[in-house]
C-alpha atoms as a PDB file:
ATOM      1  CA  UNK A   1     195.928 131.669 -63.468  1.00  0.00           C
ATOM      2  CA  UNK A   2     193.061 133.331 -61.462  1.00  0.00           C
ATOM      3  CA  UNK A   3     193.932 136.639 -59.953  1.00  0.00           C
ATOM      4  CA  UNK A   4     192.432 135.582 -56.526  1.00  0.00           C
ATOM      5  CA  UNK A   5     192.589 132.306 -54.732  1.00  0.00           C
ATOM      6  CA  UNK A   6     188.923 132.830 -53.766  1.00  0.00           C
ATOM      7  CA  UNK A   7     186.443 135.151 -55.358  1.00  0.00           C
ATOM      8  CA  UNK A   8     182.639 135.115 -54.838  1.00  0.00           C
ATOM      9  CA  UNK A   9     179.830 137.455 -55.925  1.00  0.00           C
ATOM     10  CA  UNK A  10     176.517 137.505 -53.961  1.00  0.00           C
ATOM     11  CA  UNK A  11     177.124 133.917 -52.892  1.00  0.00           C
ATOM     12  CA  UNK A  12     173.836 132.994 -51.168  1.00  0.00           C
ATOM     13  CA  UNK A  13     172.524 129.693 -49.558  1.00  0.00           C
ATOM     14  CA  UNK A  14     168.971 129.329 -48.391  1.00  0.00           C
ATOM     15  CA  UNK A  15     167.316 126.463 -46.580  1.00  0.00           C
ATOM     16  CA  UNK A  16     163.553 127.065 -47.094  1.00  0.00           C
ATOM     17  CA  UNK A  17     162.775 130.444 -45.663  1.00  0.00           C
ATOM     18  CA  UNK A  18     165.974 130.603 -43.769  1.00  0.00           C
ATOM     19  CA  UNK A  19     169.001 132.435 -45.388  1.00  0.00           C
ATOM     20  CA  UNK A  20     172.278 130.920 -43.996  1.00  0.00           C
ATOM     21  CA  UNK A  21     174.566 132.882 -46.363  1.00  0.00           C
ATOM     22  CA  UNK A  22     173.375 136.121 -47.738  1.00  0.00           C
ATOM     23  CA  UNK A  23     175.091 137.650 -50.811  1.00  0.00           C
ATOM     24  CA  UNK A  24     178.599 137.167 -49.463  1.00  0.00           C
ATOM     25  CA  UNK A  25     181.342 138.788 -51.503  1.00  0.00           C
ATOM     26  CA  UNK A  26     184.962 137.634 -50.798  1.00  0.00           C
ATOM     27  CA  UNK A  27     188.266 138.164 -52.433  1.00  0.00           C
ATOM     28  CA  UNK A  28     191.113 136.243 -50.966  1.00  0.00           C
ATOM     29  CA  UNK A  29     194.639 136.792 -52.202  1.00  0.00           C
ATOM     30  CA  UNK A  30     196.826 133.911 -53.103  1.00  0.00           C
ATOM     31  CA  UNK A  31     199.263 133.051 -50.242  1.00  0.00           C
ATOM     32  CA  UNK A  32     197.397 134.963 -47.601  1.00  0.00           C
ATOM     33  CA  UNK A  33     195.987 133.783 -44.371  1.00  0.00           C
ATOM     34  CA  UNK A  34     192.316 134.785 -44.257  1.00  0.00           C
ATOM     35  CA  UNK A  35     190.585 134.614 -40.963  1.00  0.00           C
ATOM     36  CA  UNK A  36     186.749 134.062 -41.153  1.00  0.00           C
ATOM     37  CA  UNK A  37     185.129 134.923 -37.801  1.00  0.00           C
ATOM     38  CA  UNK A  38     181.591 134.939 -36.568  1.00  0.00           C
ATOM     39  CA  UNK A  39     179.370 133.453 -33.807  1.00  0.00           C
ATOM     40  CA  UNK A  40     177.916 129.990 -34.021  1.00  0.00           C
ATOM     41  CA  UNK A  41     175.267 129.779 -36.610  1.00  0.00           C
ATOM     42  CA  UNK A  42     176.569 132.814 -38.571  1.00  0.00           C
ATOM     43  CA  UNK A  43     177.167 131.042 -41.765  1.00  0.00           C
ATOM     44  CA  UNK A  44     180.899 130.176 -41.550  1.00  0.00           C
ATOM     45  CA  UNK A  45     180.699 126.371 -42.176  1.00  0.00           C
ATOM     46  CA  UNK A  46     177.994 126.728 -44.834  1.00  0.00           C
ATOM     47  CA  UNK A  47     180.253 129.196 -46.767  1.00  0.00           C
ATOM     48  CA  UNK A  48     183.192 126.744 -46.556  1.00  0.00           C
ATOM     49  CA  UNK A  49     180.958 123.820 -47.752  1.00  0.00           C
ATOM     50  CA  UNK A  50     179.971 125.899 -50.909  1.00  0.00           C
ATOM     51  CA  UNK A  51     183.592 126.990 -51.506  1.00  0.00           C
ATOM     52  CA  UNK A  52     184.780 123.466 -51.330  1.00  0.00           C
ATOM     53  CA  UNK A  53     182.226 122.280 -53.774  1.00  0.00           C
ATOM     54  CA  UNK A  54     180.390 120.159 -51.240  1.00  0.00           C
ATOM     55  CA  UNK A  55     177.167 122.276 -51.264  1.00  0.00           C
ATOM     56  CA  UNK A  56     175.545 124.132 -54.167  1.00  0.00           C
ATOM     57  CA  UNK A  57     174.674 127.735 -53.618  1.00  0.00           C
ATOM     58  CA  UNK A  58     171.179 128.824 -54.061  1.00  0.00           C
ATOM     59  CA  UNK A  59     172.348 131.947 -56.023  1.00  0.00           C
ATOM     60  CA  UNK A  60     175.415 133.926 -56.705  1.00  0.00           C
ATOM     61  CA  UNK A  61     178.725 132.662 -57.943  1.00  0.00           C
ATOM     62  CA  UNK A  62     182.223 131.482 -56.546  1.00  0.00           C
ATOM     63  CA  UNK A  63     185.648 130.758 -57.965  1.00  0.00           C
ATOM     64  CA  UNK A  64     188.265 129.006 -56.121  1.00  0.00           C
ATOM     65  CA  UNK A  65     191.772 128.696 -57.563  1.00  0.00           C
ATOM     66  CA  UNK A  66     189.972 129.548 -60.924  1.00  0.00           C
ATOM     67  CA  UNK A  67     187.500 126.619 -60.689  1.00  0.00           C
ATOM     68  CA  UNK A  68     183.824 127.463 -60.657  1.00  0.00           C
ATOM     69  CA  UNK A  69     182.399 125.923 -57.398  1.00  0.00           C
ATOM     70  CA  UNK A  70     179.217 124.881 -59.291  1.00  0.00           C
ATOM     71  CA  UNK A  71     180.439 123.813 -62.738  1.00  0.00           C
ATOM     72  CA  UNK A  72     183.828 122.046 -61.716  1.00  0.00           C
ATOM     73  CA  UNK A  73     183.762 120.885 -58.062  1.00  0.00           C
ATOM     74  CA  UNK A  74     185.712 117.713 -58.889  1.00  0.00           C
ATOM     75  CA  UNK A  75     188.622 119.720 -60.382  1.00  0.00           C
ATOM     76  CA  UNK A  76     188.585 122.034 -57.398  1.00  0.00           C
ATOM     77  CA  UNK A  77     188.746 119.218 -54.831  1.00  0.00           C
ATOM     78  CA  UNK A  78     192.000 117.946 -56.211  1.00  0.00           C
ATOM     79  CA  UNK A  79     193.701 121.299 -55.588  1.00  0.00           C
ATOM     80  CA  UNK A  80     192.438 122.018 -52.055  1.00  0.00           C
ATOM     81  CA  UNK A  81     192.681 120.568 -48.641  1.00  0.00           C
ATOM     82  CA  UNK A  82     190.075 120.643 -45.863  1.00  0.00           C
ATOM     83  CA  UNK A  83     190.385 120.233 -42.165  1.00  0.00           C
ATOM     84  CA  UNK A  84     187.199 120.283 -40.125  1.00  0.00           C
ATOM     85  CA  UNK A  85     186.758 121.039 -36.362  1.00  0.00           C
ATOM     86  CA  UNK A  86     186.318 117.225 -35.850  1.00  0.00           C
ATOM     87  CA  UNK A  87     189.699 116.466 -37.559  1.00  0.00           C
ATOM     88  CA  UNK A  88     188.234 114.104 -40.198  1.00  0.00           C
ATOM     89  CA  UNK A  89     190.339 111.096 -38.935  1.00  0.00           C
ATOM     90  CA  UNK A  90     189.353 107.513 -38.561  1.00  0.00           C
ATOM     91  CA  UNK A  91     190.092 106.700 -34.962  1.00  0.00           C
ATOM     92  CA  UNK A  92     189.978 102.974 -35.435  1.00  0.00           C
ATOM     93  CA  UNK A  93     192.875 103.241 -38.045  1.00  0.00           C
ATOM     94  CA  UNK A  94     196.546 103.717 -37.236  1.00  0.00           C
ATOM     95  CA  UNK A  95     198.454 106.928 -37.970  1.00  0.00           C
ATOM     96  CA  UNK A  96     200.011 105.281 -41.076  1.00  0.00           C
ATOM     97  CA  UNK A  97     196.619 103.808 -42.283  1.00  0.00           C
ATOM     98  CA  UNK A  98     194.976 107.174 -42.061  1.00  0.00           C
ATOM     99  CA  UNK A  99     197.808 108.671 -44.195  1.00  0.00           C
ATOM    100  CA  UNK A 100     197.462 105.980 -46.708  1.00  0.00           C
ATOM    101  CA  UNK A 101     193.662 106.440 -46.854  1.00  0.00           C
ATOM    102  CA  UNK A 102     193.811 110.149 -47.545  1.00  0.00           C
ATOM    103  CA  UNK A 103     196.616 109.674 -50.056  1.00  0.00           C
ATOM    104  CA  UNK A 104     194.281 107.313 -51.902  1.00  0.00           C
ATOM    105  CA  UNK A 105     191.419 109.833 -51.722  1.00  0.00           C
ATOM    106  CA  UNK A 106     193.608 112.512 -53.220  1.00  0.00           C
ATOM    107  CA  UNK A 107     195.136 110.213 -55.807  1.00  0.00           C
ATOM    108  CA  UNK A 108     198.711 110.786 -54.519  1.00  0.00           C
ATOM    109  CA  UNK A 109     200.945 108.822 -56.889  1.00  0.00           C
ATOM    110  CA  UNK A 110     202.665 105.758 -55.310  1.00  0.00           C
ATOM    111  CA  UNK A 111     206.156 107.118 -56.063  1.00  0.00           C
ATOM    112  CA  UNK A 112     205.287 110.450 -54.314  1.00  0.00           C
ATOM    113  CA  UNK A 113     203.533 108.955 -51.312  1.00  0.00           C
ATOM    114  CA  UNK A 114     206.678 107.827 -49.536  1.00  0.00           C
ATOM    115  CA  UNK A 115     208.091 111.357 -49.523  1.00  0.00           C
ATOM    116  CA  UNK A 116     204.839 112.968 -48.500  1.00  0.00           C
ATOM    117  CA  UNK A 117     204.341 110.319 -45.689  1.00  0.00           C
ATOM    118  CA  UNK A 118     207.840 111.095 -44.454  1.00  0.00           C
ATOM    119  CA  UNK A 119     207.158 114.994 -44.589  1.00  0.00           C
ATOM    120  CA  UNK A 120     203.860 114.542 -42.617  1.00  0.00           C
ATOM    121  CA  UNK A 121     205.353 112.334 -39.993  1.00  0.00           C
ATOM    122  CA  UNK A 122     208.192 114.784 -39.316  1.00  0.00           C
ATOM    123  CA  UNK A 123     205.933 117.813 -39.478  1.00  0.00           C
ATOM    124  CA  UNK A 124     203.508 116.289 -36.963  1.00  0.00           C
ATOM    125  CA  UNK A 125     206.391 114.828 -34.817  1.00  0.00           C
ATOM    126  CA  UNK A 126     204.785 111.434 -35.119  1.00  0.00           C
ATOM    127  CA  UNK A 127     208.012 109.474 -36.345  1.00  0.00           C
ATOM    128  CA  UNK A 128     207.986 106.202 -34.378  1.00  0.00           C
ATOM    129  CA  UNK A 129     204.230 106.357 -33.795  1.00  0.00           C
ATOM    130  CA  UNK A 130     203.134 105.230 -37.315  1.00  0.00           C
ATOM    131  CA  UNK A 131     201.422 102.062 -35.992  1.00  0.00           C
ATOM    132  CA  UNK A 132     199.637 103.645 -33.113  1.00  0.00           C
ATOM    133  CA  UNK A 133     195.858 103.818 -33.115  1.00  0.00           C
ATOM    134  CA  UNK A 134     194.656 107.366 -33.872  1.00  0.00           C
ATOM    135  CA  UNK A 135     192.117 107.041 -30.955  1.00  0.00           C
ATOM    136  CA  UNK A 136     195.058 106.804 -28.581  1.00  0.00           C
ATOM    137  CA  UNK A 137     196.598 110.159 -29.621  1.00  0.00           C
ATOM    138  CA  UNK A 138     196.134 113.311 -27.636  1.00  0.00           C
ATOM    139  CA  UNK A 139     193.967 116.063 -29.178  1.00  0.00           C
ATOM    140  CA  UNK A 140     197.166 118.043 -30.090  1.00  0.00           C
ATOM    141  CA  UNK A 141     198.599 114.957 -31.977  1.00  0.00           C
ATOM    142  CA  UNK A 142     195.303 114.376 -33.713  1.00  0.00           C
ATOM    143  CA  UNK A 143     195.327 118.000 -34.850  1.00  0.00           C
ATOM    144  CA  UNK A 144     198.765 117.714 -36.408  1.00  0.00           C
ATOM    145  CA  UNK A 145     197.879 114.359 -37.985  1.00  0.00           C
ATOM    146  CA  UNK A 146     194.744 115.862 -39.421  1.00  0.00           C
ATOM    147  CA  UNK A 147     196.682 118.859 -40.798  1.00  0.00           C
ATOM    148  CA  UNK A 148     199.099 116.295 -42.426  1.00  0.00           C
ATOM    149  CA  UNK A 149     196.295 114.302 -43.875  1.00  0.00           C
ATOM    150  CA  UNK A 150     194.711 117.399 -45.344  1.00  0.00           C
ATOM    151  CA  UNK A 151     197.994 118.533 -46.996  1.00  0.00           C
ATOM    152  CA  UNK A 152     199.413 115.108 -48.084  1.00  0.00           C
ATOM    153  CA  UNK A 153     198.508 115.828 -51.671  1.00  0.00           C
ATOM    154  CA  UNK A 154     200.197 119.332 -51.622  1.00  0.00           C
ATOM    155  CA  UNK A 155     197.119 121.539 -52.069  1.00  0.00           C
ATOM    156  CA  UNK A 156     197.310 125.104 -53.217  1.00  0.00           C
ATOM    157  CA  UNK A 157     194.562 126.218 -50.834  1.00  0.00           C
ATOM    158  CA  UNK A 158     193.677 124.803 -47.400  1.00  0.00           C
ATOM    159  CA  UNK A 159     190.332 125.280 -45.628  1.00  0.00           C
ATOM    160  CA  UNK A 160     190.518 124.936 -41.817  1.00  0.00           C
ATOM    161  CA  UNK A 161     187.150 125.074 -39.990  1.00  0.00           C
ATOM    162  CA  UNK A 162     187.843 125.751 -36.313  1.00  0.00           C
ATOM    163  CA  UNK A 163     190.949 123.521 -36.356  1.00  0.00           C
ATOM    164  CA  UNK A 164     192.140 124.420 -32.806  1.00  0.00           C
ATOM    165  CA  UNK A 165     188.825 123.791 -30.999  1.00  0.00           C
ATOM    166  CA  UNK A 166     189.578 122.047 -27.700  1.00  0.00           C
ATOM    167  CA  UNK A 167     193.428 122.241 -28.108  1.00  0.00           C
ATOM    168  CA  UNK A 168     195.570 123.570 -25.291  1.00  0.00           C
ATOM    169  CA  UNK A 169     197.470 126.907 -25.812  1.00  0.00           C
ATOM    170  CA  UNK A 170     200.829 125.317 -26.338  1.00  0.00           C
ATOM    171  CA  UNK A 171     199.533 122.909 -28.995  1.00  0.00           C
ATOM    172  CA  UNK A 172     197.650 125.845 -30.637  1.00  0.00           C
ATOM    173  CA  UNK A 173     200.880 127.905 -30.871  1.00  0.00           C
ATOM    174  CA  UNK A 174     202.753 124.984 -32.331  1.00  0.00           C
ATOM    175  CA  UNK A 175     199.885 124.457 -34.913  1.00  0.00           C
ATOM    176  CA  UNK A 176     200.112 128.068 -35.988  1.00  0.00           C
ATOM    177  CA  UNK A 177     203.803 127.778 -36.483  1.00  0.00           C
ATOM    178  CA  UNK A 178     202.933 124.985 -39.004  1.00  0.00           C
ATOM    179  CA  UNK A 179     200.360 127.162 -40.671  1.00  0.00           C
ATOM    180  CA  UNK A 180     202.957 129.930 -41.110  1.00  0.00           C
ATOM    181  CA  UNK A 181     205.291 127.479 -42.660  1.00  0.00           C
ATOM    182  CA  UNK A 182     202.621 126.483 -45.118  1.00  0.00           C
ATOM    183  CA  UNK A 183     201.768 130.049 -45.951  1.00  0.00           C
ATOM    184  CA  UNK A 184     205.467 130.764 -46.501  1.00  0.00           C
ATOM    185  CA  UNK A 185     205.454 127.936 -49.089  1.00  0.00           C
ATOM    186  CA  UNK A 186     202.747 129.719 -51.030  1.00  0.00           C
ATOM    187  CA  UNK A 187     199.646 127.901 -49.736  1.00  0.00           C
ATOM    188  CA  UNK A 188     196.572 130.011 -49.175  1.00  0.00           C
ATOM    189  CA  UNK A 189     194.768 129.458 -45.834  1.00  0.00           C
ATOM    190  CA  UNK A 190     191.149 130.153 -45.129  1.00  0.00           C
ATOM    191  CA  UNK A 191     190.582 129.742 -41.305  1.00  0.00           C
ATOM    192  CA  UNK A 192     187.543 129.950 -39.132  1.00  0.00           C
ATOM    193  CA  UNK A 193     188.357 130.281 -35.383  1.00  0.00           C
ATOM    194  CA  UNK A 194     186.615 131.313 -32.101  1.00  0.00           C
ATOM    195  CA  UNK A 195     189.932 132.306 -30.573  1.00  0.00           C
ATOM    196  CA  UNK A 196     190.391 136.005 -30.975  1.00  0.00           C
ATOM    197  CA  UNK A 197     194.128 135.877 -30.321  1.00  0.00           C
ATOM    198  CA  UNK A 198     194.363 133.534 -33.370  1.00  0.00           C
ATOM    199  CA  UNK A 199     192.723 136.183 -35.495  1.00  0.00           C
ATOM    200  CA  UNK A 200     195.815 138.553 -35.077  1.00  0.00           C
ATOM    201  CA  UNK A 201     197.852 135.827 -36.928  1.00  0.00           C
ATOM    202  CA  UNK A 202     195.867 136.333 -40.082  1.00  0.00           C
ATOM    203  CA  UNK A 203     196.819 138.658 -42.863  1.00  0.00           C
ATOM    204  CA  UNK A 204     193.266 139.739 -43.348  1.00  0.00           C
ATOM    205  CA  UNK A 205     189.889 139.067 -41.468  1.00  0.00           C
ATOM    206  CA  UNK A 206     186.259 138.813 -42.461  1.00  0.00           C
ATOM    207  CA  UNK A 207     183.553 139.078 -39.856  1.00  0.00           C
ATOM    208  CA  UNK A 208     180.229 137.304 -40.774  1.00  0.00           C
ATOM    209  CA  UNK A 209     176.989 137.622 -38.892  1.00  0.00           C
ATOM    210  CA  UNK A 210     173.520 136.148 -39.799  1.00  0.00           C
ATOM    211  CA  UNK A 211     175.155 135.258 -43.088  1.00  0.00           C
ATOM    212  CA  UNK A 212     176.336 138.735 -44.000  1.00  0.00           C
ATOM    213  CA  UNK A 213     179.917 140.222 -44.037  1.00  0.00           C
ATOM    214  CA  UNK A 214     179.827 143.003 -41.588  1.00  0.00           C
ATOM    215  CA  UNK A 215     183.462 144.006 -41.547  1.00  0.00           C
ATOM    216  CA  UNK A 216     186.605 143.160 -43.455  1.00  0.00           C
ATOM    217  CA  UNK A 217     190.206 144.207 -43.437  1.00  0.00           C
ATOM    218  CA  UNK A 218     193.651 143.670 -41.851  1.00  0.00           C
ATOM    219  CA  UNK A 219     193.707 143.125 -38.077  1.00  0.00           C
ATOM    220  CA  UNK A 220     195.143 146.623 -37.708  1.00  0.00           C
ATOM    221  CA  UNK A 221     192.388 148.092 -39.854  1.00  0.00           C
ATOM    222  CA  UNK A 222     189.674 146.154 -37.994  1.00  0.00           C
ATOM    223  CA  UNK A 223     190.917 147.484 -34.667  1.00  0.00           C
ATOM    224  CA  UNK A 224     191.318 151.157 -35.796  1.00  0.00           C
ATOM    225  CA  UNK A 225     188.591 151.575 -38.423  1.00  0.00           C
ATOM    226  CA  UNK A 226     185.610 149.523 -37.056  1.00  0.00           C
ATOM    227  CA  UNK A 227     185.466 150.983 -33.580  1.00  0.00           C
ATOM    228  CA  UNK A 228     185.362 154.671 -32.734  1.00  0.00           C
ATOM    229  CA  UNK A 229     184.209 154.134 -29.191  1.00  0.00           C
ATOM    230  CA  UNK A 230     186.917 154.086 -26.488  1.00  0.00           C
ATOM    231  CA  UNK A 231     187.849 150.947 -24.468  1.00  0.00           C
ATOM    232  CA  UNK A 232     188.503 151.137 -20.731  1.00  0.00           C
ATOM    233  CA  UNK A 233     190.210 148.329 -18.957  1.00  0.00           C
ATOM    234  CA  UNK A 234     188.870 148.003 -15.461  1.00  0.00           C
ATOM    235  CA  UNK A 235     190.748 146.201 -12.787  1.00  0.00           C
ATOM    236  CA  UNK A 236     188.940 145.355  -9.538  1.00  0.00           C
ATOM    237  CA  UNK A 237     189.570 143.180  -6.440  1.00  0.00           C
ATOM    238  CA  UNK A 238     188.490 139.575  -7.303  1.00  0.00           C
ATOM    239  CA  UNK A 239     185.731 139.821  -4.709  1.00  0.00           C
ATOM    240  CA  UNK A 240     184.240 142.870  -6.413  1.00  0.00           C
ATOM    241  CA  UNK A 241     184.366 141.754 -10.099  1.00  0.00           C
ATOM    242  CA  UNK A 242     180.672 140.717 -10.235  1.00  0.00           C
ATOM    243  CA  UNK A 243     179.533 143.848  -8.489  1.00  0.00           C
ATOM    244  CA  UNK A 244     181.677 146.121 -10.583  1.00  0.00           C
ATOM    245  CA  UNK A 245     180.344 144.517 -13.897  1.00  0.00           C
ATOM    246  CA  UNK A 246     176.801 145.084 -12.714  1.00  0.00           C
ATOM    247  CA  UNK A 247     177.589 148.733 -11.885  1.00  0.00           C
ATOM    248  CA  UNK A 248     179.256 149.213 -15.302  1.00  0.00           C
ATOM    249  CA  UNK A 249     176.234 147.660 -17.144  1.00  0.00           C
ATOM    250  CA  UNK A 250     173.866 150.159 -15.395  1.00  0.00           C
ATOM    251  CA  UNK A 251     176.214 153.107 -15.928  1.00  0.00           C
ATOM    252  CA  UNK A 252     174.558 155.615 -18.413  1.00  0.00           C
ATOM    253  CA  UNK A 253     177.958 156.418 -20.090  1.00  0.00           C
ATOM    254  CA  UNK A 254     178.847 152.752 -20.549  1.00  0.00           C
ATOM    255  CA  UNK A 255     177.552 151.192 -23.908  1.00  0.00           C
ATOM    256  CA  UNK A 256     178.913 147.706 -23.162  1.00  0.00           C
ATOM    257  CA  UNK A 257     180.687 145.962 -20.405  1.00  0.00           C
ATOM    258  CA  UNK A 258     182.102 142.494 -20.296  1.00  0.00           C
ATOM    259  CA  UNK A 259     184.798 140.139 -18.871  1.00  0.00           C
ATOM    260  CA  UNK A 260     188.068 140.199 -20.893  1.00  0.00           C
ATOM    261  CA  UNK A 261     190.504 137.667 -19.286  1.00  0.00           C
ATOM    262  CA  UNK A 262     191.220 138.665 -15.779  1.00  0.00           C
ATOM    263  CA  UNK A 263     189.813 142.296 -16.230  1.00  0.00           C
ATOM    264  CA  UNK A 264     186.762 143.914 -17.316  1.00  0.00           C
ATOM    265  CA  UNK A 265     186.312 146.054 -20.461  1.00  0.00           C
ATOM    266  CA  UNK A 266     183.925 149.028 -20.616  1.00  0.00           C
ATOM    267  CA  UNK A 267     182.936 150.590 -23.916  1.00  0.00           C
ATOM    268  CA  UNK A 268     182.283 154.355 -23.753  1.00  0.00           C
ATOM    269  CA  UNK A 269     181.741 157.098 -26.167  1.00  0.00           C
ATOM    270  CA  UNK A 270     179.779 157.676 -29.423  1.00  0.00           C
ATOM    271  CA  UNK A 271     178.316 154.576 -30.983  1.00  0.00           C
ATOM    272  CA  UNK A 272     178.838 155.855 -34.485  1.00  0.00           C
ATOM    273  CA  UNK A 273     181.452 153.218 -35.335  1.00  0.00           C
ATOM    274  CA  UNK A 274     182.214 152.676 -39.056  1.00  0.00           C
ATOM    275  CA  UNK A 275     184.516 150.324 -40.875  1.00  0.00           C
ATOM    276  CA  UNK A 276     185.913 153.175 -43.129  1.00  0.00           C
ATOM    277  CA  UNK A 277     189.588 153.933 -43.265  1.00  0.00           C
ATOM    278  CA  UNK A 278     190.607 157.151 -41.302  1.00  0.00           C
ATOM    279  CA  UNK A 279     188.385 156.599 -38.260  1.00  0.00           C
ATOM    280  CA  UNK A 280     191.416 157.128 -35.950  1.00  0.00           C
ATOM    281  CA  UNK A 281     191.179 160.339 -33.974  1.00  0.00           C
ATOM    282  CA  UNK A 282     194.125 161.926 -32.106  1.00  0.00           C
ATOM    283  CA  UNK A 283     191.703 163.284 -29.578  1.00  0.00           C
ATOM    284  CA  UNK A 284     190.323 159.901 -28.645  1.00  0.00           C
ATOM    285  CA  UNK A 285     193.116 159.453 -26.098  1.00  0.00           C
ATOM    286  CA  UNK A 286     192.293 162.470 -24.137  1.00  0.00           C
ATOM    287  CA  UNK A 287     188.645 161.712 -24.246  1.00  0.00           C
ATOM    288  CA  UNK A 288     189.290 158.132 -23.044  1.00  0.00           C
ATOM    289  CA  UNK A 289     191.407 159.329 -20.083  1.00  0.00           C
ATOM    290  CA  UNK A 290     188.626 161.686 -19.116  1.00  0.00           C
ATOM    291  CA  UNK A 291     186.166 158.862 -19.306  1.00  0.00           C
ATOM    292  CA  UNK A 292     188.461 156.661 -17.099  1.00  0.00           C
ATOM    293  CA  UNK A 293     188.793 159.306 -14.432  1.00  0.00           C
ATOM    294  CA  UNK A 294     184.959 160.014 -14.367  1.00  0.00           C
ATOM    295  CA  UNK A 295     184.107 156.230 -14.173  1.00  0.00           C
ATOM    296  CA  UNK A 296     186.680 155.570 -11.525  1.00  0.00           C
ATOM    297  CA  UNK A 297     185.263 158.321  -9.331  1.00  0.00           C
ATOM    298  CA  UNK A 298     181.761 156.940  -9.684  1.00  0.00           C
ATOM    299  CA  UNK A 299     182.822 153.359  -8.817  1.00  0.00           C
ATOM    300  CA  UNK A 300     184.805 154.443  -5.747  1.00  0.00           C
ATOM    301  CA  UNK A 301     181.720 156.457  -4.637  1.00  0.00           C
ATOM    302  CA  UNK A 302     179.704 153.223  -4.935  1.00  0.00           C
ATOM    303  CA  UNK A 303     182.101 151.469  -2.479  1.00  0.00           C
ATOM    304  CA  UNK A 304     184.624 149.807  -4.808  1.00  0.00           C
ATOM    305  CA  UNK A 305     187.829 151.079  -3.510  1.00  0.00           C
ATOM    306  CA  UNK A 306     190.294 148.912  -5.361  1.00  0.00           C
ATOM    307  CA  UNK A 307     189.595 150.180  -8.762  1.00  0.00           C
ATOM    308  CA  UNK A 308     192.103 150.915 -11.561  1.00  0.00           C
ATOM    309  CA  UNK A 309     190.961 152.049 -14.974  1.00  0.00           C
ATOM    310  CA  UNK A 310     193.209 152.531 -17.918  1.00  0.00           C
ATOM    311  CA  UNK A 311     192.378 153.337 -21.524  1.00  0.00           C
ATOM    312  CA  UNK A 312     193.471 150.636 -23.841  1.00  0.00           C
ATOM    313  CA  UNK A 313     193.646 149.958 -27.608  1.00  0.00           C
ATOM    314  CA  UNK A 314     190.641 147.831 -28.804  1.00  0.00           C
ATOM    315  CA  UNK A 315     191.462 144.180 -29.365  1.00  0.00           C
ATOM    316  CA  UNK A 316     189.948 142.034 -32.048  1.00  0.00           C
ATOM    317  CA  UNK A 317     187.690 140.546 -29.404  1.00  0.00           C
ATOM    318  CA  UNK A 318     186.597 144.204 -28.383  1.00  0.00           C
ATOM    319  CA  UNK A 319     185.681 144.840 -32.014  1.00  0.00           C
ATOM    320  CA  UNK A 320     183.893 141.438 -32.500  1.00  0.00           C
ATOM    321  CA  UNK A 321     181.881 141.908 -29.395  1.00  0.00           C
ATOM    322  CA  UNK A 322     180.993 145.585 -30.523  1.00  0.00           C
ATOM    323  CA  UNK A 323     180.066 144.652 -34.010  1.00  0.00           C
ATOM    324  CA  UNK A 324     177.835 141.759 -33.046  1.00  0.00           C
ATOM    325  CA  UNK A 325     176.208 143.699 -30.369  1.00  0.00           C
ATOM    326  CA  UNK A 326     175.561 146.616 -32.783  1.00  0.00           C
ATOM    327  CA  UNK A 327     173.965 144.240 -35.254  1.00  0.00           C
ATOM    328  CA  UNK A 328     171.785 142.652 -32.591  1.00  0.00           C
ATOM    329  CA  UNK A 329     170.546 145.994 -31.472  1.00  0.00           C
ATOM    330  CA  UNK A 330     169.709 146.831 -34.989  1.00  0.00           C
ATOM    331  CA  UNK A 331     167.601 143.715 -35.137  1.00  0.00           C
ATOM    332  CA  UNK A 332     165.619 144.568 -32.025  1.00  0.00           C
ATOM    333  CA  UNK A 333     164.944 148.264 -33.052  1.00  0.00           C
END
């Protein structure tokens, strides 16, 4: 048995002069939930297509569950499941017909299908709706059905490419409960997502930008080791938010400023961020408070009276914005 569920070495994909995936090296442990994050066009889906044996790499190598992605893609496909952001369902088929179709694609034995069908219907809470057209299901129901179709053959590894896109928060939370159940049963999960709150549910994360891995680690490591700058949460009166954001963007001590939920986040301090262990500094708290006091004074002097600024721990979203901004600045310099 291979040591890792996924292992790649300098995995590269080029389309003419364009390099979509640039010497990516990944090691994903068996049974872990690995979150793969990056902006649109960063190479996430292309990487997945190579790892699932659906696209040949230009160079480099990849092994998934011990199968070489170039030499044995057919053997690989029988052991993995894949759920795309479009759910991969046939909307003109019923729930039951979709399950039967995918059971046939994955060569699920007839004697095993009845048990797997029952499991999927119960997992997706679709018992009693077997004859309903898939087109008539809500997005949340389609999502669960697609997960069931992707796992009907009991794969050892499941690729999920932005599976919760367009799904409401309640349905997303329920979906992640299902993923945790799969991981608890030993299934390895490789997940791409645009929702930063979902990234915190993963055991480890990899950030990809312009086809290259720019950071990797546990959510805690990503937050503490990849961002040495301080984060200030800025609360302002609703009528002042746009003006405060403009003021923050032009402040010489603010490296970045952006909306974060109902508040603003300002990034201050030395831009020398690394992704090396041990970047935490006990003095950062005192520096951040001094930054907050100084910035609050400036904003109040500018006429924004209802200002409250608090140092906060960086979120995954903060680190993501910071890393991508740093990469873009490097490209422009």
